[in-house]
Amino acid sequence: IVVITHEMKVIEQICNRVAIIADSNIVEIGTV
């Protein structure tokens, strides 16, 4: 499952890892 969201509460509840996207770039990626 790939979850696209603007809400951190969604990420923290179900995701294993997360990528942060800002200004068209991935600025961080790692475990939640």
All heavy atoms as atom14 arrays in JSON, in Angstrom:
{
  "sequence": "IVVITHEMKVIEQICNRVAIIADSNIVEIGTV",
  "atom14_mask": [
    [1, 1, 1, 1, 1, 1, 1, 1, 0, 0, 0, 0, 0, 0],
    [1, 1, 1, 1, 1, 1, 1, 0, 0, 0, 0, 0, 0, 0],
    [1, 1, 1, 1, 1, 1, 1, 0, 0, 0, 0, 0, 0, 0],
    [1, 1, 1, 1, 1, 1, 1, 1, 0, 0, 0, 0, 0, 0],
    [1, 1, 1, 1, 1, 1, 1, 0, 0, 0, 0, 0, 0, 0],
    [1, 1, 1, 1, 1, 1, 1, 1, 1, 1, 0, 0, 0, 0],
    [1, 1, 1, 1, 1, 1, 1, 1, 1, 0, 0, 0, 0, 0],
    [1, 1, 1, 1, 1, 1, 1, 1, 0, 0, 0, 0, 0, 0],
    [1, 1, 1, 1, 1, 1, 1, 1, 1, 0, 0, 0, 0, 0],
    [1, 1, 1, 1, 1, 1, 1, 0, 0, 0, 0, 0, 0, 0],
    [1, 1, 1, 1, 1, 1, 1, 1, 0, 0, 0, 0, 0, 0],
    [1, 1, 1, 1, 1, 1, 1, 1, 1, 0, 0, 0, 0, 0],
    [1, 1, 1, 1, 1, 1, 1, 1, 1, 0, 0, 0, 0, 0],
    [1, 1, 1, 1, 1, 1, 1, 1, 0, 0, 0, 0, 0, 0],
    [1, 1, 1, 1, 1, 1, 0, 0, 0, 0, 0, 0, 0, 0],
    [1, 1, 1, 1, 1, 1, 1, 1, 0, 0, 0, 0, 0, 0],
    [1, 1, 1, 1, 1, 1, 1, 1, 1, 1, 1, 0, 0, 0],
    [1, 1, 1, 1, 1, 1, 1, 0, 0, 0, 0, 0, 0, 0],
    [1, 1, 1, 1, 1, 0, 0, 0, 0, 0, 0, 0, 0, 0],
    [1, 1, 1, 1, 1, 1, 1, 1, 0, 0, 0, 0, 0, 0],
    [1, 1, 1, 1, 1, 1, 1, 1, 0, 0, 0, 0, 0, 0],
    [1, 1, 1, 1, 1, 0, 0, 0, 0, 0, 0, 0, 0, 0],
    [1, 1, 1, 1, 1, 1, 1, 1, 0, 0, 0, 0, 0, 0],
    [1, 1, 1, 1, 1, 1, 0, 0, 0, 0, 0, 0, 0, 0],
    [1, 1, 1, 1, 1, 1, 1, 1, 0, 0, 0, 0, 0, 0],
    [1, 1, 1, 1, 1, 1, 1, 1, 0, 0, 0, 0, 0, 0],
    [1, 1, 1, 1, 1, 1, 1, 0, 0, 0, 0, 0, 0, 0],
    [1, 1, 1, 1, 1, 1, 1, 1, 1, 0, 0, 0, 0, 0],
    [1, 1, 1, 1, 1, 1, 1, 1, 0, 0, 0, 0, 0, 0],
    [1, 1, 1, 1, 0, 0, 0, 0, 0, 0, 0, 0, 0, 0],
    [1, 1, 1, 1, 1, 1, 1, 0, 0, 0, 0, 0, 0, 0],
    [1, 1, 1, 1, 1, 1, 1, 0, 0, 0, 0, 0, 0, 0]
  ],
  "atom14_positions": [
    [[0.84, -1.2, 0.0], [0.0, 0.0, 0.0], [0.88, 1.24, 0.0], [1.8, 1.38, 0.8], [-0.95, 0.01, 1.22], [-1.87, -1.21, 1.18], [-1.77, 1.3, 1.24], [-2.82, -1.32, 2.36], [0.0, 0.0, 0.0], [0.0, 0.0, 0.0], [0.0, 0.0, 0.0], [0.0, 0.0, 0.0], [0.0, 0.0, 0.0], [0.0, 0.0, 0.0]],
    [[0.59, 2.15, -0.93], [1.27, 3.45, -0.99], [0.25, 4.52, -0.62], [-0.77, 4.66, -1.3], [1.85, 3.72, -2.39], [2.57, 5.07, -2.4], [2.8, 2.6, -2.81], [0.0, 0.0, 0.0], [0.0, 0.0, 0.0], [0.0, 0.0, 0.0], [0.0, 0.0, 0.0], [0.0, 0.0, 0.0], [0.0, 0.0, 0.0], [0.0, 0.0, 0.0]],
    [[0.51, 5.22, 0.46], [-0.42, 6.21, 1.0], [0.09, 7.61, 0.69], [1.17, 8.0, 1.12], [-0.58, 6.03, 2.52], [-1.49, 7.12, 3.09], [-1.13, 4.65, 2.85], [0.0, 0.0, 0.0], [0.0, 0.0, 0.0], [0.0, 0.0, 0.0], [0.0, 0.0, 0.0], [0.0, 0.0, 0.0], [0.0, 0.0, 0.0], [0.0, 0.0, 0.0]],
    [[-0.69, 8.38, -0.07], [-0.38, 9.77, -0.36], [-1.26, 10.64, 0.53], [-2.48, 10.49, 0.54], [-0.67, 10.1, -1.84], [0.09, 9.17, -2.76], [-0.35, 11.56, -2.13], [1.58, 9.3, -2.7], [0.0, 0.0, 0.0], [0.0, 0.0, 0.0], [0.0, 0.0, 0.0], [0.0, 0.0, 0.0], [0.0, 0.0, 0.0], [0.0, 0.0, 0.0]],
    [[-0.65, 11.54, 1.3], [-1.44, 12.34, 2.23], [-0.7, 13.61, 2.59], [0.51, 13.75, 2.35], [-1.75, 11.53, 3.51], [-2.58, 12.29, 4.38], [-0.46, 11.17, 4.25], [0.0, 0.0, 0.0], [0.0, 0.0, 0.0], [0.0, 0.0, 0.0], [0.0, 0.0, 0.0], [0.0, 0.0, 0.0], [0.0, 0.0, 0.0], [0.0, 0.0, 0.0]],
    [[-1.43, 14.56, 3.16], [-0.81, 15.75, 3.74], [-0.93, 15.72, 5.26], [-0.54, 16.67, 5.93], [-1.48, 17.03, 3.2], [-2.92, 17.16, 3.62], [-3.94, 16.52, 2.96], [-3.5, 17.85, 4.63], [-5.1, 16.82, 3.54], [-4.86, 17.62, 4.56], [0.0, 0.0, 0.0], [0.0, 0.0, 0.0], [0.0, 0.0, 0.0], [0.0, 0.0, 0.0]],
    [[-1.47, 14.61, 5.79], [-1.74, 14.51, 7.22], [-0.76, 13.54, 7.9], [-0.77, 12.34, 7.61], [-3.17, 14.03, 7.45], [-4.22, 14.97, 6.88], [-5.62, 14.42, 7.02], [-5.93, 13.43, 6.34], [-6.39, 14.97, 7.82], [0.0, 0.0, 0.0], [0.0, 0.0, 0.0], [0.0, 0.0, 0.0], [0.0, 0.0, 0.0], [0.0, 0.0, 0.0]],
    [[0.03, 14.05, 8.82], [1.0, 13.21, 9.52], [0.3, 12.14, 10.35], [0.83, 11.04, 10.53], [1.89, 14.07, 10.41], [3.1, 13.34, 10.96], [4.24, 12.75, 9.69], [5.17, 14.25, 9.35], [0.0, 0.0, 0.0], [0.0, 0.0, 0.0], [0.0, 0.0, 0.0], [0.0, 0.0, 0.0], [0.0, 0.0, 0.0], [0.0, 0.0, 0.0]],
    [[-0.91, 12.41, 10.84], [-1.61, 11.43, 11.67], [-1.94, 10.16, 10.88], [-2.01, 9.07, 11.46], [-2.9, 12.03, 12.24], [-3.94, 12.41, 11.21], [-5.13, 13.1, 11.84], [-6.16, 13.5, 10.79], [-7.3, 14.24, 11.39], [0.0, 0.0, 0.0], [0.0, 0.0, 0.0], [0.0, 0.0, 0.0], [0.0, 0.0, 0.0], [0.0, 0.0, 0.0]],
    [[-2.13, 10.3, 9.57], [-2.36, 9.12, 8.73], [-1.08, 8.29, 8.64], [-1.11, 7.06, 8.78], [-2.83, 9.55, 7.33], [-2.87, 8.35, 6.38], [-4.21, 10.21, 7.41], [0.0, 0.0, 0.0], [0.0, 0.0, 0.0], [0.0, 0.0, 0.0], [0.0, 0.0, 0.0], [0.0, 0.0, 0.0], [0.0, 0.0, 0.0], [0.0, 0.0, 0.0]],
    [[0.03, 8.96, 8.43], [1.33, 8.27, 8.32], [1.65, 7.54, 9.61], [2.05, 6.37, 9.59], [2.45, 9.29, 8.01], [2.2, 9.99, 6.66], [3.82, 8.61, 8.04], [2.25, 9.08, 5.46], [0.0, 0.0, 0.0], [0.0, 0.0, 0.0], [0.0, 0.0, 0.0], [0.0, 0.0, 0.0], [0.0, 0.0, 0.0], [0.0, 0.0, 0.0]],
    [[1.48, 8.21, 10.74], [1.92, 7.62, 12.01], [1.08, 6.42, 12.41], [1.53, 5.57, 13.17], [1.9, 8.68, 13.12], [0.53, 9.19, 13.5], [0.56, 10.46, 14.33], [1.6, 11.15, 14.33], [-0.46, 10.79, 14.97], [0.0, 0.0, 0.0], [0.0, 0.0, 0.0], [0.0, 0.0, 0.0], [0.0, 0.0, 0.0], [0.0, 0.0, 0.0]],
    [[-0.15, 6.32, 11.89], [-1.01, 5.23, 12.31], [-0.76, 3.93, 11.54], [-0.92, 2.85, 12.11], [-2.49, 5.63, 12.16], [-2.94, 6.61, 13.22], [-4.43, 6.92, 13.11], [-5.25, 6.03, 12.92], [-4.77, 8.19, 13.23], [0.0, 0.0, 0.0], [0.0, 0.0, 0.0], [0.0, 0.0, 0.0], [0.0, 0.0, 0.0], [0.0, 0.0, 0.0]],
    [[-0.37, 4.01, 10.27], [-0.31, 2.74, 9.53], [0.97, 2.52, 8.73], [1.21, 1.4, 8.27], [-1.51, 2.57, 8.56], [-1.48, 3.6, 7.44], [-2.82, 2.62, 9.31], [-2.48, 3.28, 6.32], [0.0, 0.0, 0.0], [0.0, 0.0, 0.0], [0.0, 0.0, 0.0], [0.0, 0.0, 0.0], [0.0, 0.0, 0.0], [0.0, 0.0, 0.0]],
    [[1.82, 3.54, 8.54], [2.94, 3.38, 7.61], [4.18, 2.8, 8.28], [4.46, 3.07, 9.46], [3.29, 4.72, 6.96], [2.01, 5.31, 5.84], [0.0, 0.0, 0.0], [0.0, 0.0, 0.0], [0.0, 0.0, 0.0], [0.0, 0.0, 0.0], [0.0, 0.0, 0.0], [0.0, 0.0, 0.0], [0.0, 0.0, 0.0], [0.0, 0.0, 0.0]],
    [[4.94, 2.01, 7.51], [6.23, 1.5, 7.96], [7.32, 2.53, 7.7], [8.13, 2.81, 8.57], [6.58, 0.21, 7.21], [5.46, -0.82, 7.27], [4.89, -1.17, 6.25], [5.14, -1.3, 8.46], [0.0, 0.0, 0.0], [0.0, 0.0, 0.0], [0.0, 0.0, 0.0], [0.0, 0.0, 0.0], [0.0, 0.0, 0.0], [0.0, 0.0, 0.0]],
    [[7.34, 3.06, 6.49], [8.32, 4.08, 6.11], [7.61, 5.25, 5.45], [6.46, 5.14, 5.03], [9.37, 3.5, 5.15], [10.27, 2.44, 5.78], [11.44, 2.08, 4.85], [10.96, 1.62, 3.56], [11.45, 2.03, 2.39], [12.42, 2.92, 2.35], [10.97, 1.53, 1.26], [0.0, 0.0, 0.0], [0.0, 0.0, 0.0], [0.0, 0.0, 0.0]],
    [[8.33, 6.37, 5.37], [7.7, 7.57, 4.82], [8.74, 8.37, 4.03], [9.92, 8.4, 4.38], [7.09, 8.44, 5.95], [8.17, 8.9, 6.93], [6.35, 9.64, 5.38], [0.0, 0.0, 0.0], [0.0, 0.0, 0.0], [0.0, 0.0, 0.0], [0.0, 0.0, 0.0], [0.0, 0.0, 0.0], [0.0, 0.0, 0.0], [0.0, 0.0, 0.0]],
    [[8.27, 8.98, 2.95], [9.08, 9.93, 2.18], [8.41, 11.3, 2.29], [7.19, 11.42, 2.15], [9.17, 9.5, 0.72], [0.0, 0.0, 0.0], [0.0, 0.0, 0.0], [0.0, 0.0, 0.0], [0.0, 0.0, 0.0], [0.0, 0.0, 0.0], [0.0, 0.0, 0.0], [0.0, 0.0, 0.0], [0.0, 0.0, 0.0], [0.0, 0.0, 0.0]],
    [[9.22, 12.31, 2.58], [8.73, 13.68, 2.66], [9.01, 14.36, 1.34], [10.16, 14.4, 0.88], [9.42, 14.47, 3.8], [9.43, 13.67, 5.11], [8.76, 15.83, 3.98], [8.08, 13.41, 5.7], [0.0, 0.0, 0.0], [0.0, 0.0, 0.0], [0.0, 0.0, 0.0], [0.0, 0.0, 0.0], [0.0, 0.0, 0.0], [0.0, 0.0, 0.0]],
    [[7.98, 14.91, 0.7], [8.15, 15.6, -0.56], [7.85, 17.08, -0.36], [6.86, 17.45, 0.28], [7.26, 14.99, -1.67], [7.58, 15.62, -3.03], [5.79, 15.08, -1.34], [6.94, 14.9, -4.21], [0.0, 0.0, 0.0], [0.0, 0.0, 0.0], [0.0, 0.0, 0.0], [0.0, 0.0, 0.0], [0.0, 0.0, 0.0], [0.0, 0.0, 0.0]],
    [[8.75, 17.92, -0.86], [8.58, 19.37, -0.77], [9.19, 20.01, -2.0], [10.3, 19.65, -2.41], [9.25, 19.91, 0.5], [0.0, 0.0, 0.0], [0.0, 0.0, 0.0], [0.0, 0.0, 0.0], [0.0, 0.0, 0.0], [0.0, 0.0, 0.0], [0.0, 0.0, 0.0], [0.0, 0.0, 0.0], [0.0, 0.0, 0.0], [0.0, 0.0, 0.0]],
    [[8.48, 20.95, -2.58], [8.97, 21.67, -3.77], [9.47, 20.71, -4.84], [10.56, 20.89, -5.41], [10.09, 22.64, -3.38], [9.61, 23.7, -2.4], [8.45, 24.13, -2.53], [10.38, 24.07, -1.5], [0.0, 0.0, 0.0], [0.0, 0.0, 0.0], [0.0, 0.0, 0.0], [0.0, 0.0, 0.0], [0.0, 0.0, 0.0], [0.0, 0.0, 0.0]],
    [[8.69, 19.65, -5.07], [8.94, 18.69, -6.15], [10.1, 17.74, -5.9], [10.47, 16.96, -6.77], [9.18, 19.41, -7.49], [8.17, 20.36, -7.74], [0.0, 0.0, 0.0], [0.0, 0.0, 0.0], [0.0, 0.0, 0.0], [0.0, 0.0, 0.0], [0.0, 0.0, 0.0], [0.0, 0.0, 0.0], [0.0, 0.0, 0.0], [0.0, 0.0, 0.0]],
    [[10.68, 17.78, -4.68], [11.82, 16.92, -4.35], [11.52, 16.06, -3.13], [10.76, 16.47, -2.24], [13.06, 17.78, -4.04], [13.56, 18.52, -5.26], [14.32, 17.99, -6.05], [13.13, 19.77, -5.41], [0.0, 0.0, 0.0], [0.0, 0.0, 0.0], [0.0, 0.0, 0.0], [0.0, 0.0, 0.0], [0.0, 0.0, 0.0], [0.0, 0.0, 0.0]],
    [[12.12, 14.88, -3.08], [12.1, 14.08, -1.85], [13.2, 14.64, -0.94], [14.38, 14.57, -1.27], [12.35, 12.58, -2.14], [11.27, 12.02, -3.06], [12.41, 11.8, -0.83], [9.87, 12.03, -2.48], [0.0, 0.0, 0.0], [0.0, 0.0, 0.0], [0.0, 0.0, 0.0], [0.0, 0.0, 0.0], [0.0, 0.0, 0.0], [0.0, 0.0, 0.0]],
    [[12.8, 15.19, 0.22], [13.77, 15.84, 1.1], [14.19, 14.94, 2.26], [15.25, 15.15, 2.85], [13.23, 17.18, 1.63], [13.04, 18.16, 0.48], [11.92, 17.0, 2.4], [0.0, 0.0, 0.0], [0.0, 0.0, 0.0], [0.0, 0.0, 0.0], [0.0, 0.0, 0.0], [0.0, 0.0, 0.0], [0.0, 0.0, 0.0], [0.0, 0.0, 0.0]],
    [[13.35, 13.96, 2.59], [13.7, 12.98, 3.62], [13.0, 11.68, 3.32], [11.91, 11.66, 2.75], [13.28, 13.45, 5.02], [14.12, 14.55, 5.62], [13.84, 14.74, 7.1], [13.92, 13.74, 7.85], [13.57, 15.88, 7.52], [0.0, 0.0, 0.0], [0.0, 0.0, 0.0], [0.0, 0.0, 0.0], [0.0, 0.0, 0.0], [0.0, 0.0, 0.0]],
    [[13.63, 10.58, 3.73], [13.01, 9.27, 3.59], [13.57, 8.36, 4.68], [14.76, 8.43, 5.01], [13.26, 8.67, 2.18], [12.44, 7.41, 1.95], [14.73, 8.41, 1.95], [12.43, 6.95, 0.5], [0.0, 0.0, 0.0], [0.0, 0.0, 0.0], [0.0, 0.0, 0.0], [0.0, 0.0, 0.0], [0.0, 0.0, 0.0], [0.0, 0.0, 0.0]],
    [[12.71, 7.56, 5.28], [13.16, 6.67, 6.34], [11.99, 6.04, 7.05], [10.83, 6.19, 6.64], [0.0, 0.0, 0.0], [0.0, 0.0, 0.0], [0.0, 0.0, 0.0], [0.0, 0.0, 0.0], [0.0, 0.0, 0.0], [0.0, 0.0, 0.0], [0.0, 0.0, 0.0], [0.0, 0.0, 0.0], [0.0, 0.0, 0.0], [0.0, 0.0, 0.0]],
    [[12.27, 5.32, 8.11], [11.18, 4.76, 8.9], [10.43, 5.92, 9.55], [10.98, 7.0, 9.78], [11.69, 3.81, 9.99], [12.45, 4.56, 10.95], [12.56, 2.71, 9.39], [0.0, 0.0, 0.0], [0.0, 0.0, 0.0], [0.0, 0.0, 0.0], [0.0, 0.0, 0.0], [0.0, 0.0, 0.0], [0.0, 0.0, 0.0], [0.0, 0.0, 0.0]],
    [[9.16, 5.68, 9.84], [8.35, 6.71, 10.47], [8.99, 7.13, 11.79], [9.06, 8.32, 12.13], [6.91, 6.21, 10.68], [6.09, 7.23, 11.48], [6.25, 5.96, 9.32], [0.0, 0.0, 0.0], [0.0, 0.0, 0.0], [0.0, 0.0, 0.0], [0.0, 0.0, 0.0], [0.0, 0.0, 0.0], [0.0, 0.0, 0.0], [0.0, 0.0, 0.0]]
  ]
}
